[in-house]
Amino acid sequence: MTREVAIVAPTASGKSDVAMAVARETGAHIIAVDAMQVYRGMDIGTAKPTTTDRAEVSHHCIDIADPSERFSVAEFQRHAAAARAECAAAGKSALLVAGTGLYLTALIDDLSLPGEWPAVRDELQREPDTDALFARLESLDPLAATRIERSNRRRIERALEVCIGSGKPFSSFGPGTAAYPSSSVRQVGIAWARATLSARVEARVHRMMADGLLDEVKHLAATTTMSREARQALGYSELLQHLDGRLSLDEAVAQIVLHTRQFAVRQERWFRRDPRIEWVAVNDDPVAEVAPKVRAALEST
């Protein structure tokens, strides 16, 4: 019998390390549930598994779109469904390594997703004032406005696009406050103390820079016209601003650290809403402290 377990946590928590350790022992495949690891060539900044890891363990939903493409939740839903079917057909359990909460919800809860209205989107993107857009969202869909940070322009635009295009509240398409149905997918969360995770974020950003993130961004800028979604990825957005002369390199790196820390807080806030997640408090080594819980979940699901 094949089984599925999701490993959820904010960025820099050690999800991939835990998944690799469990996959080596159990033969499970790994399905990446990450909005930016789908893009080819965006490797260092998205913390993709290494080529060695991918040769050792089968990975899915990585490198399935070009950075020039707009990639939607619905497209991820289709790719991930195919990956799950492939794992089941091969008799392999699957570890869902989840950093993008909406993608995980779309995958395990069969989330109903709205369509797209490009003309509406283009009109919204021409509005320079993000606060004005947020005020409009508060008027059209107060519930959605409480769930979206007023600085998160991309999500504000998407919510307004759906409200205007469909004539229905954006929040009507997503999970409600109690919409956490029972699922065959067990979820194990990695919980770090906030200060410790903050330090891990900073260390990882500096490690990415040492590994050549700036050169990766330079190559992307020179060889492709990145989509708006790809350009907004953490690390890429700030270094593109550096290449445009708007930030010094030190300023760009500091911004990456700050924005990644803020993103980690938002991720944790999203995951903490889900009462189905079984959290494991980690003090030092996520593999030693979390992998046994994941293995047990695979065996008991």
Protein backbone atom coordinates (compact mmCIF):
# COMPACT_ATOMS: atom_id res chain seq x y z
CA MET A 1 0.00 0.00 0.00
CA THR A 2 1.38 3.41 -0.95
CA ARG A 3 1.19 6.25 1.54
CA GLU A 4 1.64 10.02 1.51
CA VAL A 5 3.04 12.28 4.21
CA ALA A 6 3.52 16.04 3.93
CA ILE A 7 6.49 17.70 5.60
CA VAL A 8 5.54 21.33 6.21
CA ALA A 9 7.53 24.23 7.61
CA PRO A 10 8.74 27.74 6.84
CA THR A 11 11.75 28.24 4.61
CA ALA A 12 15.18 27.26 5.99
CA SER A 13 13.66 24.75 8.41
CA GLY A 14 15.33 21.66 6.96
CA LYS A 15 12.35 20.08 5.16
CA SER A 16 14.39 18.76 2.25
CA ASP A 17 17.03 17.22 4.51
CA VAL A 18 14.34 15.39 6.46
CA ALA A 19 12.66 14.21 3.26
CA MET A 20 15.93 12.92 1.79
CA ALA A 21 16.76 11.00 4.96
CA VAL A 22 13.34 9.33 5.03
CA ALA A 23 13.31 8.66 1.28
CA ARG A 24 16.69 6.93 1.45
CA GLU A 25 15.41 4.60 4.14
CA THR A 26 11.95 3.91 2.73
CA GLY A 27 12.29 4.24 -1.04
CA ALA A 28 9.63 6.96 -1.10
CA HIS A 29 9.53 9.55 -3.86
CA ILE A 30 9.58 13.29 -3.14
CA ILE A 31 7.02 15.74 -4.52
CA ALA A 32 8.12 19.36 -4.20
CA VAL A 33 5.22 21.61 -3.20
CA ASP A 34 6.94 24.91 -3.88
CA ALA A 35 5.82 27.78 -6.10
CA MET A 36 9.33 28.69 -7.24
CA GLN A 37 11.07 25.32 -7.59
CA VAL A 38 8.88 24.74 -10.63
CA TYR A 39 11.08 27.14 -12.64
CA ARG A 40 14.04 25.81 -14.63
CA GLY A 41 17.34 27.57 -13.98
CA MET A 42 16.23 29.04 -10.66
CA ASP A 43 18.20 26.58 -8.59
CA ILE A 44 20.30 28.22 -5.90
CA GLY A 45 17.81 30.83 -4.75
CA THR A 46 14.96 28.34 -4.48
CA ALA A 47 17.09 25.80 -2.59
CA LYS A 48 16.36 23.01 -5.04
CA PRO A 49 17.66 19.54 -4.22
CA THR A 50 21.12 18.96 -5.63
CA THR A 51 21.66 16.95 -8.79
CA THR A 52 23.17 14.24 -6.59
CA ASP A 53 20.06 14.09 -4.41
CA ARG A 54 17.80 14.02 -7.46
CA ALA A 55 19.81 11.17 -8.96
CA GLU A 56 19.53 9.21 -5.72
CA VAL A 57 15.83 9.84 -5.00
CA SER A 58 13.05 10.45 -7.53
CA HIS A 59 11.75 14.03 -7.31
CA HIS A 60 8.61 15.44 -8.91
CA CYS A 61 7.24 18.93 -9.69
CA ILE A 62 10.69 20.51 -10.07
CA ASP A 63 11.83 22.21 -13.30
CA ILE A 64 8.45 21.98 -15.01
CA ALA A 65 8.17 25.58 -16.27
CA ASP A 66 10.40 28.17 -17.92
CA PRO A 67 11.07 31.37 -15.94
CA SER A 68 9.38 33.30 -18.74
CA GLU A 69 6.07 31.54 -18.08
CA ARG A 70 3.26 32.47 -15.76
CA PHE A 71 2.64 29.38 -13.61
CA SER A 72 -0.65 29.04 -11.72
CA VAL A 73 -1.90 27.03 -8.78
CA ALA A 74 -4.20 25.15 -11.16
CA GLU A 75 -1.23 24.11 -13.29
CA PHE A 76 0.58 22.89 -10.19
CA GLN A 77 -2.53 20.96 -9.18
CA ARG A 78 -2.46 19.10 -12.51
CA HIS A 79 1.27 18.34 -12.39
CA ALA A 80 1.11 17.19 -8.77
CA ALA A 81 -1.91 14.96 -9.43
CA ALA A 82 0.05 13.28 -12.22
CA ALA A 83 3.05 12.87 -9.90
CA ARG A 84 0.92 11.27 -7.21
CA ALA A 85 -0.58 8.88 -9.76
CA GLU A 86 2.91 7.99 -11.00
CA CYS A 87 4.06 7.21 -7.46
CA ALA A 88 1.01 5.05 -6.82
CA ALA A 89 1.46 3.17 -10.10
CA ALA A 90 5.08 2.45 -9.18
CA GLY A 91 4.06 1.26 -5.72
CA LYS A 92 5.99 4.10 -4.07
CA SER A 93 4.97 6.21 -1.11
CA ALA A 94 5.32 9.98 -1.51
CA LEU A 95 6.75 12.70 0.69
CA LEU A 96 5.19 16.09 -0.06
CA VAL A 97 7.81 18.71 0.84
CA ALA A 98 5.68 21.79 1.33
CA GLY A 99 6.75 25.38 1.67
CA THR A 100 3.86 26.90 -0.30
CA GLY A 101 0.74 26.50 1.79
CA LEU A 102 -1.76 27.27 -0.96
CA TYR A 103 -0.21 24.66 -3.24
CA LEU A 104 -0.46 22.03 -0.51
CA THR A 105 -4.09 22.93 0.17
CA ALA A 106 -4.86 22.72 -3.54
CA LEU A 107 -3.21 19.32 -3.66
CA ILE A 108 -4.53 17.48 -0.62
CA ASP A 109 -7.92 19.18 -0.21
CA ASP A 110 -8.83 19.28 -3.92
CA LEU A 111 -9.30 23.03 -3.67
CA SER A 112 -11.74 24.58 -6.14
CA LEU A 113 -9.77 27.16 -8.09
CA PRO A 114 -11.08 30.22 -9.94
CA GLY A 115 -10.26 31.01 -13.54
CA GLU A 116 -8.11 33.80 -14.92
CA TRP A 117 -9.07 37.14 -16.46
CA PRO A 118 -5.99 38.63 -18.18
CA ALA A 119 -7.69 41.89 -19.18
CA VAL A 120 -8.71 42.55 -15.58
CA ARG A 121 -5.23 41.61 -14.39
CA ASP A 122 -3.60 44.03 -16.83
CA GLU A 123 -5.84 46.86 -15.65
CA LEU A 124 -5.00 46.17 -12.00
CA GLN A 125 -1.28 46.06 -12.73
CA ARG A 126 -1.47 49.57 -14.18
CA GLU A 127 -2.63 50.94 -10.81
CA PRO A 128 0.53 52.30 -9.10
CA ASP A 129 -0.96 52.57 -5.60
CA THR A 130 -1.00 49.25 -3.74
CA ASP A 131 -2.92 50.82 -0.84
CA ALA A 132 -5.68 51.83 -3.26
CA LEU A 133 -5.90 48.26 -4.52
CA PHE A 134 -6.09 46.94 -0.98
CA ALA A 135 -8.87 49.40 -0.12
CA ARG A 136 -10.77 48.16 -3.16
CA LEU A 137 -10.32 44.56 -1.97
CA GLU A 138 -11.58 45.50 1.49
CA SER A 139 -14.73 46.82 -0.18
CA LEU A 140 -15.29 43.85 -2.51
CA ASP A 141 -14.20 41.00 -0.23
CA PRO A 142 -13.57 41.96 3.41
CA LEU A 143 -12.81 38.36 4.39
CA ALA A 144 -10.09 38.00 1.77
CA ALA A 145 -8.63 41.31 2.92
CA THR A 146 -8.18 39.93 6.43
CA ARG A 147 -6.19 36.99 5.01
CA ILE A 148 -3.85 38.94 2.73
CA GLU A 149 -1.11 41.27 3.94
CA ARG A 150 -1.61 44.77 2.57
CA SER A 151 1.99 44.79 1.28
CA ASN A 152 1.51 41.58 -0.74
CA ARG A 153 0.62 43.21 -4.04
CA ARG A 154 0.63 40.03 -6.11
CA ARG A 155 -2.00 38.35 -3.92
CA ILE A 156 -4.05 41.55 -3.72
CA GLU A 157 -4.11 41.77 -7.51
CA ARG A 158 -5.07 38.11 -7.84
CA ALA A 159 -7.90 38.45 -5.31
CA LEU A 160 -9.26 41.51 -7.11
CA GLU A 161 -8.91 39.81 -10.49
CA VAL A 162 -11.12 36.97 -9.27
CA CYS A 163 -13.63 39.26 -7.55
CA ILE A 164 -14.05 41.41 -10.65
CA GLY A 165 -13.77 38.67 -13.25
CA SER A 166 -16.02 36.09 -11.61
CA GLY A 167 -18.39 38.39 -9.79
CA LYS A 168 -17.84 36.27 -6.67
CA PRO A 169 -15.70 36.92 -3.58
CA PHE A 170 -12.17 35.55 -3.87
CA SER A 171 -12.60 34.02 -0.40
CA SER A 172 -15.47 31.86 -1.67
CA PHE A 173 -12.99 29.79 -3.68
CA GLY A 174 -10.59 29.09 -0.83
CA PRO A 175 -10.82 27.21 2.45
CA GLY A 176 -12.98 28.70 5.16
CA THR A 177 -11.80 29.11 8.73
CA ALA A 178 -12.98 25.59 9.56
CA ALA A 179 -12.50 24.04 6.13
CA TYR A 180 -9.95 21.40 7.07
CA PRO A 181 -11.51 18.12 5.94
CA SER A 182 -10.11 14.78 6.99
CA SER A 183 -7.36 13.67 4.64
CA SER A 184 -5.41 10.52 3.96
CA VAL A 185 -2.28 12.69 3.88
CA ARG A 186 -0.62 12.99 7.27
CA GLN A 187 1.14 16.30 7.84
CA VAL A 188 4.24 16.71 10.00
CA GLY A 189 5.43 20.23 10.79
CA ILE A 190 8.94 21.37 11.75
CA ALA A 191 8.81 23.99 14.51
CA TRP A 192 11.86 26.11 15.30
CA ALA A 193 12.08 28.87 17.87
CA ARG A 194 11.62 32.17 16.02
CA ALA A 195 15.11 33.48 16.85
CA THR A 196 16.76 30.24 15.76
CA LEU A 197 14.89 30.17 12.46
CA SER A 198 15.81 33.80 11.86
CA ALA A 199 19.49 32.93 12.28
CA ARG A 200 19.10 29.95 9.95
CA VAL A 201 17.54 32.20 7.31
CA GLU A 202 20.46 34.62 7.43
CA ALA A 203 23.02 31.81 7.27
CA ARG A 204 21.27 30.26 4.29
CA VAL A 205 21.12 33.54 2.37
CA HIS A 206 24.86 34.04 2.80
CA ARG A 207 25.47 30.42 1.79
CA MET A 208 23.42 30.95 -1.37
CA MET A 209 25.45 34.02 -2.23
CA ALA A 210 28.67 32.05 -1.71
CA ASP A 211 27.28 29.29 -3.94
CA GLY A 212 26.82 31.69 -6.84
CA LEU A 213 23.30 33.12 -6.60
CA LEU A 214 24.36 36.43 -8.13
CA ASP A 215 25.83 34.69 -11.17
CA GLU A 216 22.65 32.62 -11.51
CA VAL A 217 20.53 35.78 -11.55
CA LYS A 218 22.88 37.45 -14.04
CA HIS A 219 22.54 34.46 -16.35
CA LEU A 220 18.75 34.49 -16.12
CA ALA A 221 18.62 38.22 -16.77
CA ALA A 222 20.83 37.81 -19.84
CA THR A 223 19.12 34.78 -21.36
CA THR A 224 15.40 35.06 -20.64
CA THR A 225 12.60 37.52 -20.06
CA MET A 226 11.46 36.43 -16.63
CA SER A 227 7.75 36.40 -15.88
CA ARG A 228 6.42 38.69 -13.21
CA GLU A 229 5.97 35.70 -10.90
CA ALA A 230 9.55 34.50 -11.38
CA ARG A 231 10.98 38.01 -10.96
CA GLN A 232 9.28 38.31 -7.59
CA ALA A 233 10.99 35.23 -6.14
CA LEU A 234 13.00 35.86 -3.00
CA GLY A 235 16.64 36.50 -3.84
CA TYR A 236 15.94 37.08 -7.50
CA SER A 237 13.87 40.23 -7.04
CA GLU A 238 16.47 41.91 -4.86
CA LEU A 239 19.46 40.92 -7.02
CA LEU A 240 17.67 42.05 -10.18
CA GLN A 241 17.28 45.43 -8.48
CA HIS A 242 21.01 45.36 -7.77
CA LEU A 243 21.76 44.62 -11.42
CA ASP A 244 19.48 47.51 -12.40
CA GLY A 245 21.52 49.83 -10.18
CA ARG A 246 18.76 50.40 -7.64
CA LEU A 247 20.49 48.59 -4.77
CA SER A 248 24.10 48.02 -3.81
CA LEU A 249 25.06 44.38 -3.38
CA ASP A 250 25.17 44.73 0.41
CA GLU A 251 21.74 46.37 0.37
CA ALA A 252 20.35 43.61 -1.84
CA VAL A 253 21.65 40.86 0.45
CA ALA A 254 20.25 42.63 3.52
CA GLN A 255 16.90 42.91 1.75
CA ILE A 256 16.94 39.20 0.90
CA VAL A 257 17.51 38.34 4.56
CA LEU A 258 14.74 40.70 5.71
CA HIS A 259 12.21 39.59 3.11
CA THR A 260 12.95 35.90 3.70
CA ARG A 261 12.43 36.32 7.44
CA GLN A 262 9.12 38.06 6.78
CA PHE A 263 8.13 35.30 4.38
CA ALA A 264 8.94 32.64 6.98
CA VAL A 265 6.58 34.35 9.42
CA ARG A 266 3.80 34.34 6.82
CA GLN A 267 4.41 30.68 6.03
CA GLU A 268 4.22 29.69 9.69
CA ARG A 269 1.05 31.73 10.14
CA TRP A 270 -0.55 29.88 7.22
CA PHE A 271 0.44 26.41 8.42
CA ARG A 272 -0.49 27.07 12.04
CA ARG A 273 -4.10 27.59 10.98
CA ASP A 274 -4.35 23.92 10.00
CA PRO A 275 -5.18 21.77 13.04
CA ARG A 276 -4.30 18.58 11.16
CA ILE A 277 -0.56 19.31 11.23
CA GLU A 278 1.42 17.38 13.85
CA TRP A 279 4.19 19.73 14.96
CA VAL A 280 7.61 18.59 16.13
CA ALA A 281 9.63 21.11 18.13
CA VAL A 282 13.24 21.09 16.93
CA ASN A 283 16.19 22.21 19.02
CA ASP A 284 19.20 21.30 16.92
CA ASP A 285 18.99 18.65 14.19
CA PRO A 286 15.78 18.40 12.13
CA VAL A 287 16.78 15.08 10.59
CA ALA A 288 17.39 13.39 13.93
CA GLU A 289 14.37 14.99 15.58
CA VAL A 290 11.75 14.96 12.80
CA ALA A 291 12.61 12.06 10.47
CA PRO A 292 11.45 9.39 12.99
CA LYS A 293 8.04 11.10 13.19
CA VAL A 294 7.76 11.16 9.39
CA ARG A 295 8.76 7.51 9.11
CA ALA A 296 6.18 6.57 11.73
CA ALA A 297 3.54 8.54 9.83
CA LEU A 298 4.39 6.69 6.62
CA GLU A 299 4.04 3.37 8.39
CA SER A 300 0.76 4.17 10.13
CA THR A 301 -1.12 6.17 7.49
